[in-house]
Amino acid sequence: MILLLDDDKAHRSLIRRAVQKAGINSPLVEAGSLAEAKRLLFPESPQQPLPLSLAVVDLNLGDGRGTEIISLLRSSSAYADVRVIVLSTSQMEQDVAESHEAGADAYMTKASDLVQFRKEIGEAILTWLNDQSS
């Protein structure tokens, strides 16, 4: 299962299509905010954790930073091994460093060319999922 956390509905749709076009059959669970992702991953009533293998996380969310959810994943025994790809429009070294310090495995800049972005994110997700299964 792949977590897709992005506050931009169009970006979530684009990433969803990239996953489908890449032939990835893993189910997607989507969150449009940091708060929504927290509710999905860490509900108030105890339940079985989601069987996540990968999280694709936008860095700048309307209600916080994607690094917050990454830190929560890394500190959770249920999600500590989930691979994390950070997506951002920022190319600032500070944002890249912050993401890696929080525990991200990869940092990708959202391409301004949407077709190219869809291709790149599809390939990246496929690569990370294949690396995890080996």
N, C-alpha and C. Protein backbone atom coordinates (compact mmCIF):
# COMPACT_ATOMS: atom_id res chain seq x y z
N MET A 1 0.85 -1.18 0.00
CA MET A 1 0.00 0.00 0.00
C MET A 1 0.89 1.24 0.00
N ILE A 2 0.45 2.24 -0.75
CA ILE A 2 1.19 3.50 -0.86
C ILE A 2 0.37 4.62 -0.26
N LEU A 3 0.99 5.40 0.64
CA LEU A 3 0.36 6.61 1.16
C LEU A 3 0.75 7.76 0.25
N LEU A 4 -0.25 8.51 -0.18
CA LEU A 4 -0.03 9.70 -0.99
C LEU A 4 -0.54 10.89 -0.21
N LEU A 5 0.38 11.72 0.28
CA LEU A 5 0.03 12.89 1.08
C LEU A 5 0.41 14.15 0.31
N ASP A 6 -0.60 14.84 -0.18
CA ASP A 6 -0.39 16.09 -0.91
C ASP A 6 -1.66 16.92 -0.77
N ASP A 7 -1.51 18.19 -0.45
CA ASP A 7 -2.68 19.04 -0.26
C ASP A 7 -3.24 19.56 -1.58
N ASP A 8 -2.56 19.31 -2.68
CA ASP A 8 -3.02 19.73 -4.00
C ASP A 8 -3.72 18.55 -4.69
N LYS A 9 -5.03 18.67 -4.85
CA LYS A 9 -5.82 17.58 -5.44
C LYS A 9 -5.33 17.21 -6.84
N ALA A 10 -4.93 18.21 -7.61
CA ALA A 10 -4.43 17.94 -8.97
C ALA A 10 -3.14 17.13 -8.93
N HIS A 11 -2.26 17.43 -7.97
CA HIS A 11 -1.02 16.66 -7.85
C HIS A 11 -1.31 15.23 -7.42
N ARG A 12 -2.26 15.06 -6.51
CA ARG A 12 -2.63 13.68 -6.11
C ARG A 12 -3.15 12.91 -7.31
N SER A 13 -3.97 13.55 -8.12
CA SER A 13 -4.52 12.90 -9.31
C SER A 13 -3.40 12.54 -10.29
N LEU A 14 -2.47 13.45 -10.47
CA LEU A 14 -1.34 13.22 -11.37
C LEU A 14 -0.49 12.05 -10.89
N ILE A 15 -0.24 12.00 -9.61
CA ILE A 15 0.57 10.90 -9.04
C ILE A 15 -0.19 9.59 -9.14
N ARG A 16 -1.49 9.63 -8.88
CA ARG A 16 -2.32 8.43 -9.02
C ARG A 16 -2.23 7.87 -10.44
N ARG A 17 -2.34 8.76 -11.43
CA ARG A 17 -2.23 8.32 -12.83
C ARG A 17 -0.84 7.79 -13.15
N ALA A 18 0.18 8.40 -12.56
CA ALA A 18 1.56 7.94 -12.79
C ALA A 18 1.74 6.53 -12.25
N VAL A 19 1.16 6.27 -11.09
CA VAL A 19 1.24 4.93 -10.49
C VAL A 19 0.55 3.92 -11.41
N GLN A 20 -0.63 4.26 -11.88
CA GLN A 20 -1.36 3.36 -12.78
C GLN A 20 -0.60 3.14 -14.08
N LYS A 21 -0.09 4.22 -14.66
CA LYS A 21 0.62 4.13 -15.94
C LYS A 21 1.91 3.31 -15.80
N ALA A 22 2.52 3.35 -14.63
CA ALA A 22 3.74 2.57 -14.40
C ALA A 22 3.43 1.10 -14.14
N GLY A 23 2.14 0.75 -14.08
CA GLY A 23 1.76 -0.64 -13.87
C GLY A 23 1.88 -1.10 -12.43
N ILE A 24 1.88 -0.16 -11.51
CA ILE A 24 1.99 -0.48 -10.08
C ILE A 24 0.62 -0.85 -9.56
N ASN A 25 0.50 -2.04 -8.99
CA ASN A 25 -0.80 -2.52 -8.52
C ASN A 25 -1.04 -2.31 -7.04
N SER A 26 -0.12 -1.67 -6.36
CA SER A 26 -0.30 -1.41 -4.93
C SER A 26 -1.46 -0.45 -4.72
N PRO A 27 -2.33 -0.74 -3.76
CA PRO A 27 -3.42 0.20 -3.49
C PRO A 27 -2.87 1.52 -2.95
N LEU A 28 -3.58 2.59 -3.26
CA LEU A 28 -3.22 3.92 -2.77
C LEU A 28 -4.18 4.36 -1.69
N VAL A 29 -3.66 4.96 -0.65
CA VAL A 29 -4.49 5.64 0.34
C VAL A 29 -4.04 7.10 0.28
N GLU A 30 -5.01 8.00 0.12
CA GLU A 30 -4.69 9.40 -0.08
C GLU A 30 -5.10 10.26 1.11
N ALA A 31 -4.27 11.27 1.36
CA ALA A 31 -4.57 12.26 2.39
C ALA A 31 -4.28 13.63 1.80
N GLY A 32 -5.17 14.58 2.06
CA GLY A 32 -5.01 15.93 1.54
C GLY A 32 -4.47 16.92 2.55
N SER A 33 -4.15 16.41 3.74
CA SER A 33 -3.60 17.30 4.77
C SER A 33 -2.80 16.48 5.77
N LEU A 34 -2.00 17.16 6.53
CA LEU A 34 -1.22 16.52 7.59
C LEU A 34 -2.17 15.89 8.61
N ALA A 35 -3.21 16.62 8.98
CA ALA A 35 -4.18 16.12 9.97
C ALA A 35 -4.86 14.85 9.47
N GLU A 36 -5.23 14.82 8.19
CA GLU A 36 -5.88 13.65 7.63
C GLU A 36 -4.93 12.45 7.63
N ALA A 37 -3.67 12.68 7.28
CA ALA A 37 -2.69 11.59 7.29
C ALA A 37 -2.50 11.04 8.70
N LYS A 38 -2.47 11.91 9.69
CA LYS A 38 -2.33 11.46 11.09
C LYS A 38 -3.53 10.60 11.49
N ARG A 39 -4.73 11.02 11.10
CA ARG A 39 -5.94 10.24 11.44
C ARG A 39 -5.90 8.87 10.78
N LEU A 40 -5.44 8.80 9.53
CA LEU A 40 -5.36 7.52 8.83
C LEU A 40 -4.33 6.58 9.44
N LEU A 41 -3.17 7.13 9.76
CA LEU A 41 -2.06 6.30 10.24
C LEU A 41 -2.12 6.02 11.74
N PHE A 42 -2.61 6.97 12.49
CA PHE A 42 -2.60 6.86 13.95
C PHE A 42 -3.98 7.20 14.53
N PRO A 43 -4.98 6.36 14.25
CA PRO A 43 -6.34 6.65 14.73
C PRO A 43 -6.39 6.59 16.26
N GLU A 44 -7.37 7.31 16.82
CA GLU A 44 -7.52 7.34 18.28
C GLU A 44 -7.84 5.97 18.85
N SER A 45 -8.70 5.21 18.17
CA SER A 45 -9.01 3.87 18.66
C SER A 45 -8.01 2.90 18.01
N PRO A 46 -7.38 2.07 18.83
CA PRO A 46 -6.36 1.16 18.31
C PRO A 46 -6.92 0.22 17.24
N GLN A 47 -6.16 0.05 16.20
CA GLN A 47 -6.52 -0.87 15.14
C GLN A 47 -5.24 -1.35 14.46
N GLN A 48 -5.39 -2.28 13.56
CA GLN A 48 -4.26 -2.80 12.80
C GLN A 48 -3.65 -1.66 11.98
N PRO A 49 -2.32 -1.50 12.01
CA PRO A 49 -1.72 -0.45 11.18
C PRO A 49 -1.92 -0.74 9.69
N LEU A 50 -1.94 0.31 8.91
CA LEU A 50 -2.06 0.14 7.46
C LEU A 50 -0.82 -0.59 6.95
N PRO A 51 -0.99 -1.49 5.99
CA PRO A 51 0.17 -2.23 5.45
C PRO A 51 0.94 -1.40 4.42
N LEU A 52 1.54 -0.31 4.90
CA LEU A 52 2.25 0.60 4.01
C LEU A 52 3.61 0.05 3.62
N SER A 53 3.97 0.26 2.36
CA SER A 53 5.32 -0.06 1.92
C SER A 53 6.05 1.20 1.48
N LEU A 54 5.28 2.24 1.11
CA LEU A 54 5.87 3.47 0.60
C LEU A 54 4.96 4.65 0.93
N ALA A 55 5.57 5.79 1.23
CA ALA A 55 4.83 7.03 1.43
C ALA A 55 5.41 8.09 0.50
N VAL A 56 4.54 8.75 -0.25
CA VAL A 56 4.92 9.87 -1.11
C VAL A 56 4.35 11.10 -0.43
N VAL A 57 5.24 11.98 0.05
CA VAL A 57 4.84 13.07 0.93
C VAL A 57 5.24 14.42 0.36
N ASP A 58 4.26 15.30 0.23
CA ASP A 58 4.53 16.69 -0.16
C ASP A 58 5.18 17.38 1.03
N LEU A 59 6.17 18.22 0.77
CA LEU A 59 6.88 18.89 1.86
C LEU A 59 6.05 20.02 2.46
N ASN A 60 5.48 20.86 1.62
CA ASN A 60 4.74 22.02 2.11
C ASN A 60 3.24 21.75 2.03
N LEU A 61 2.64 21.54 3.17
CA LEU A 61 1.21 21.26 3.25
C LEU A 61 0.50 22.47 3.85
N GLY A 62 -0.77 22.60 3.59
CA GLY A 62 -1.53 23.72 4.11
C GLY A 62 -1.55 23.80 5.63
N ASP A 63 -1.43 22.65 6.27
CA ASP A 63 -1.51 22.62 7.74
C ASP A 63 -0.21 22.17 8.40
N GLY A 64 0.89 22.25 7.70
CA GLY A 64 2.17 21.89 8.31
C GLY A 64 3.19 21.43 7.28
N ARG A 65 4.21 20.77 7.77
CA ARG A 65 5.29 20.28 6.92
C ARG A 65 5.21 18.76 6.83
N GLY A 66 5.51 18.24 5.66
CA GLY A 66 5.53 16.80 5.46
C GLY A 66 6.54 16.11 6.35
N THR A 67 7.56 16.84 6.77
CA THR A 67 8.58 16.24 7.64
C THR A 67 7.98 15.79 8.98
N GLU A 68 6.87 16.40 9.37
CA GLU A 68 6.23 15.99 10.63
C GLU A 68 5.70 14.57 10.52
N ILE A 69 5.06 14.23 9.41
CA ILE A 69 4.54 12.88 9.26
C ILE A 69 5.69 11.89 9.09
N ILE A 70 6.77 12.32 8.44
CA ILE A 70 7.93 11.45 8.28
C ILE A 70 8.51 11.11 9.65
N SER A 71 8.66 12.10 10.50
CA SER A 71 9.18 11.86 11.85
C SER A 71 8.28 10.91 12.63
N LEU A 72 6.96 11.08 12.47
CA LEU A 72 6.02 10.18 13.15
C LEU A 72 6.15 8.75 12.62
N LEU A 73 6.31 8.60 11.31
CA LEU A 73 6.51 7.27 10.73
C LEU A 73 7.77 6.63 11.30
N ARG A 74 8.85 7.38 11.32
CA ARG A 74 10.13 6.83 11.78
C ARG A 74 10.13 6.47 13.26
N SER A 75 9.31 7.16 14.04
CA SER A 75 9.27 6.87 15.48
C SER A 75 8.24 5.79 15.84
N SER A 76 7.52 5.31 14.86
CA SER A 76 6.49 4.29 15.09
C SER A 76 7.03 2.92 14.73
N SER A 77 6.87 1.97 15.61
CA SER A 77 7.34 0.61 15.31
C SER A 77 6.60 0.02 14.12
N ALA A 78 5.35 0.40 13.91
CA ALA A 78 4.56 -0.14 12.81
C ALA A 78 4.99 0.40 11.45
N TYR A 79 5.54 1.61 11.42
CA TYR A 79 5.84 2.26 10.14
C TYR A 79 7.31 2.64 9.96
N ALA A 80 8.16 2.27 10.89
CA ALA A 80 9.56 2.71 10.86
C ALA A 80 10.28 2.33 9.57
N ASP A 81 9.91 1.22 8.94
CA ASP A 81 10.61 0.75 7.75
C ASP A 81 9.97 1.18 6.44
N VAL A 82 8.91 1.97 6.50
CA VAL A 82 8.24 2.44 5.29
C VAL A 82 9.20 3.37 4.54
N ARG A 83 9.34 3.15 3.24
CA ARG A 83 10.16 4.03 2.41
C ARG A 83 9.40 5.33 2.20
N VAL A 84 10.12 6.45 2.17
CA VAL A 84 9.49 7.76 2.03
C VAL A 84 10.16 8.56 0.91
N ILE A 85 9.34 9.03 -0.02
CA ILE A 85 9.78 9.95 -1.07
C ILE A 85 9.12 11.29 -0.78
N VAL A 86 9.93 12.33 -0.65
CA VAL A 86 9.41 13.69 -0.46
C VAL A 86 9.32 14.36 -1.82
N LEU A 87 8.19 15.01 -2.05
CA LEU A 87 7.99 15.80 -3.26
C LEU A 87 7.86 17.26 -2.87
N SER A 88 8.50 18.12 -3.64
CA SER A 88 8.40 19.54 -3.35
C SER A 88 8.71 20.35 -4.58
N THR A 89 8.20 21.57 -4.61
CA THR A 89 8.59 22.50 -5.66
C THR A 89 9.90 23.19 -5.29
N SER A 90 10.30 23.06 -4.03
CA SER A 90 11.50 23.72 -3.53
C SER A 90 12.76 22.94 -3.92
N GLN A 91 13.76 23.69 -4.32
CA GLN A 91 15.07 23.11 -4.59
C GLN A 91 16.09 23.60 -3.56
N MET A 92 15.60 24.21 -2.49
CA MET A 92 16.49 24.76 -1.47
C MET A 92 17.18 23.63 -0.71
N GLU A 93 18.49 23.78 -0.52
CA GLU A 93 19.27 22.77 0.20
C GLU A 93 18.74 22.56 1.60
N GLN A 94 18.25 23.61 2.23
CA GLN A 94 17.70 23.52 3.58
C GLN A 94 16.50 22.57 3.62
N ASP A 95 15.63 22.62 2.62
CA ASP A 95 14.46 21.74 2.56
C ASP A 95 14.87 20.29 2.31
N VAL A 96 15.85 20.10 1.45
CA VAL A 96 16.36 18.75 1.19
C VAL A 96 16.96 18.17 2.47
N ALA A 97 17.79 18.96 3.14
CA ALA A 97 18.43 18.51 4.39
C ALA A 97 17.39 18.21 5.46
N GLU A 98 16.41 19.10 5.61
CA GLU A 98 15.35 18.89 6.60
C GLU A 98 14.61 17.57 6.34
N SER A 99 14.33 17.29 5.08
CA SER A 99 13.62 16.06 4.71
C SER A 99 14.44 14.83 5.06
N HIS A 100 15.72 14.86 4.73
CA HIS A 100 16.58 13.70 5.02
C HIS A 100 16.78 13.54 6.53
N GLU A 101 16.90 14.64 7.25
CA GLU A 101 17.04 14.58 8.71
C GLU A 101 15.80 13.97 9.36
N ALA A 102 14.63 14.24 8.78
CA ALA A 102 13.39 13.68 9.32
C ALA A 102 13.28 12.18 9.03
N GLY A 103 14.04 11.70 8.02
CA GLY A 103 14.03 10.27 7.71
C GLY A 103 13.60 9.93 6.31
N ALA A 104 13.50 10.92 5.42
CA ALA A 104 13.13 10.63 4.03
C ALA A 104 14.23 9.83 3.34
N ASP A 105 13.81 8.93 2.48
CA ASP A 105 14.76 8.13 1.70
C ASP A 105 15.15 8.83 0.40
N ALA A 106 14.27 9.67 -0.12
CA ALA A 106 14.53 10.36 -1.38
C ALA A 106 13.80 11.70 -1.38
N TYR A 107 14.33 12.63 -2.17
CA TYR A 107 13.73 13.95 -2.32
C TYR A 107 13.63 14.23 -3.80
N MET A 108 12.44 14.52 -4.28
CA MET A 108 12.22 14.82 -5.69
C MET A 108 11.59 16.19 -5.83
N THR A 109 12.07 16.94 -6.81
CA THR A 109 11.47 18.24 -7.11
C THR A 109 10.37 18.02 -8.14
N LYS A 110 9.22 18.61 -7.87
CA LYS A 110 8.10 18.51 -8.80
C LYS A 110 8.47 19.28 -10.07
N ALA A 111 8.49 18.59 -11.18
CA ALA A 111 8.82 19.22 -12.46
C ALA A 111 7.68 20.14 -12.89
N SER A 112 8.04 21.23 -13.54
CA SER A 112 7.01 22.15 -14.04
C SER A 112 6.31 21.54 -15.25
N ASP A 113 6.98 20.65 -15.96
CA ASP A 113 6.38 19.93 -17.07
C ASP A 113 5.61 18.74 -16.49
N LEU A 114 4.29 18.81 -16.51
CA LEU A 114 3.47 17.80 -15.84
C LEU A 114 3.64 16.41 -16.43
N VAL A 115 3.83 16.31 -17.74
CA VAL A 115 4.03 15.00 -18.36
C VAL A 115 5.34 14.40 -17.87
N GLN A 116 6.38 15.23 -17.81
CA GLN A 116 7.68 14.76 -17.32
C GLN A 116 7.58 14.38 -15.84
N PHE A 117 6.87 15.20 -15.06
CA PHE A 117 6.70 14.91 -13.64
C PHE A 117 6.00 13.57 -13.45
N ARG A 118 4.92 13.32 -14.20
CA ARG A 118 4.20 12.06 -14.08
C ARG A 118 5.12 10.88 -14.38
N LYS A 119 5.94 11.02 -15.41
CA LYS A 119 6.87 9.95 -15.79
C LYS A 119 7.90 9.72 -14.68
N GLU A 120 8.49 10.80 -14.18
CA GLU A 120 9.53 10.69 -13.15
C GLU A 120 8.99 10.09 -11.86
N ILE A 121 7.82 10.54 -11.42
CA ILE A 121 7.30 10.02 -10.16
C ILE A 121 6.88 8.56 -10.31
N GLY A 122 6.32 8.20 -11.45
CA GLY A 122 5.97 6.79 -11.69
C GLY A 122 7.19 5.90 -11.64
N GLU A 123 8.27 6.32 -12.28
CA GLU A 123 9.51 5.54 -12.27
C GLU A 123 10.11 5.46 -10.87
N ALA A 124 10.08 6.57 -10.14
CA ALA A 124 10.64 6.59 -8.78
C ALA A 124 9.87 5.65 -7.86
N ILE A 125 8.56 5.69 -7.91
CA ILE A 125 7.75 4.82 -7.06
C ILE A 125 8.01 3.36 -7.40
N LEU A 126 8.05 3.04 -8.67
CA LEU A 126 8.32 1.67 -9.10
C LEU A 126 9.70 1.22 -8.60
N THR A 127 10.69 2.07 -8.72
CA THR A 127 12.04 1.75 -8.25
C THR A 127 12.06 1.49 -6.75
N TRP A 128 11.44 2.36 -5.97
CA TRP A 128 11.45 2.22 -4.52
C TRP A 128 10.68 0.97 -4.08
N LEU A 129 9.58 0.69 -4.74
CA LEU A 129 8.83 -0.52 -4.39
C LEU A 129 9.62 -1.77 -4.73
N ASN A 130 10.29 -1.78 -5.87
CA ASN A 130 11.10 -2.93 -6.26
C ASN A 130 12.30 -3.10 -5.33
N ASP A 131 12.92 -1.99 -4.91
CA ASP A 131 14.06 -2.08 -3.98
C ASP A 131 13.64 -2.66 -2.65
N GLN A 132 12.44 -2.33 -2.22
CA GLN A 132 11.97 -2.79 -0.93
C GLN A 132 11.65 -4.28 -0.95
N SER A 133 11.20 -4.79 -2.09
CA SER A 133 10.81 -6.19 -2.15
C SER A 133 12.01 -7.11 -2.35
N SER A 134 13.20 -6.53 -2.65
CA SER A 134 14.36 -7.39 -2.83
C SER A 134 15.19 -7.54 -1.59
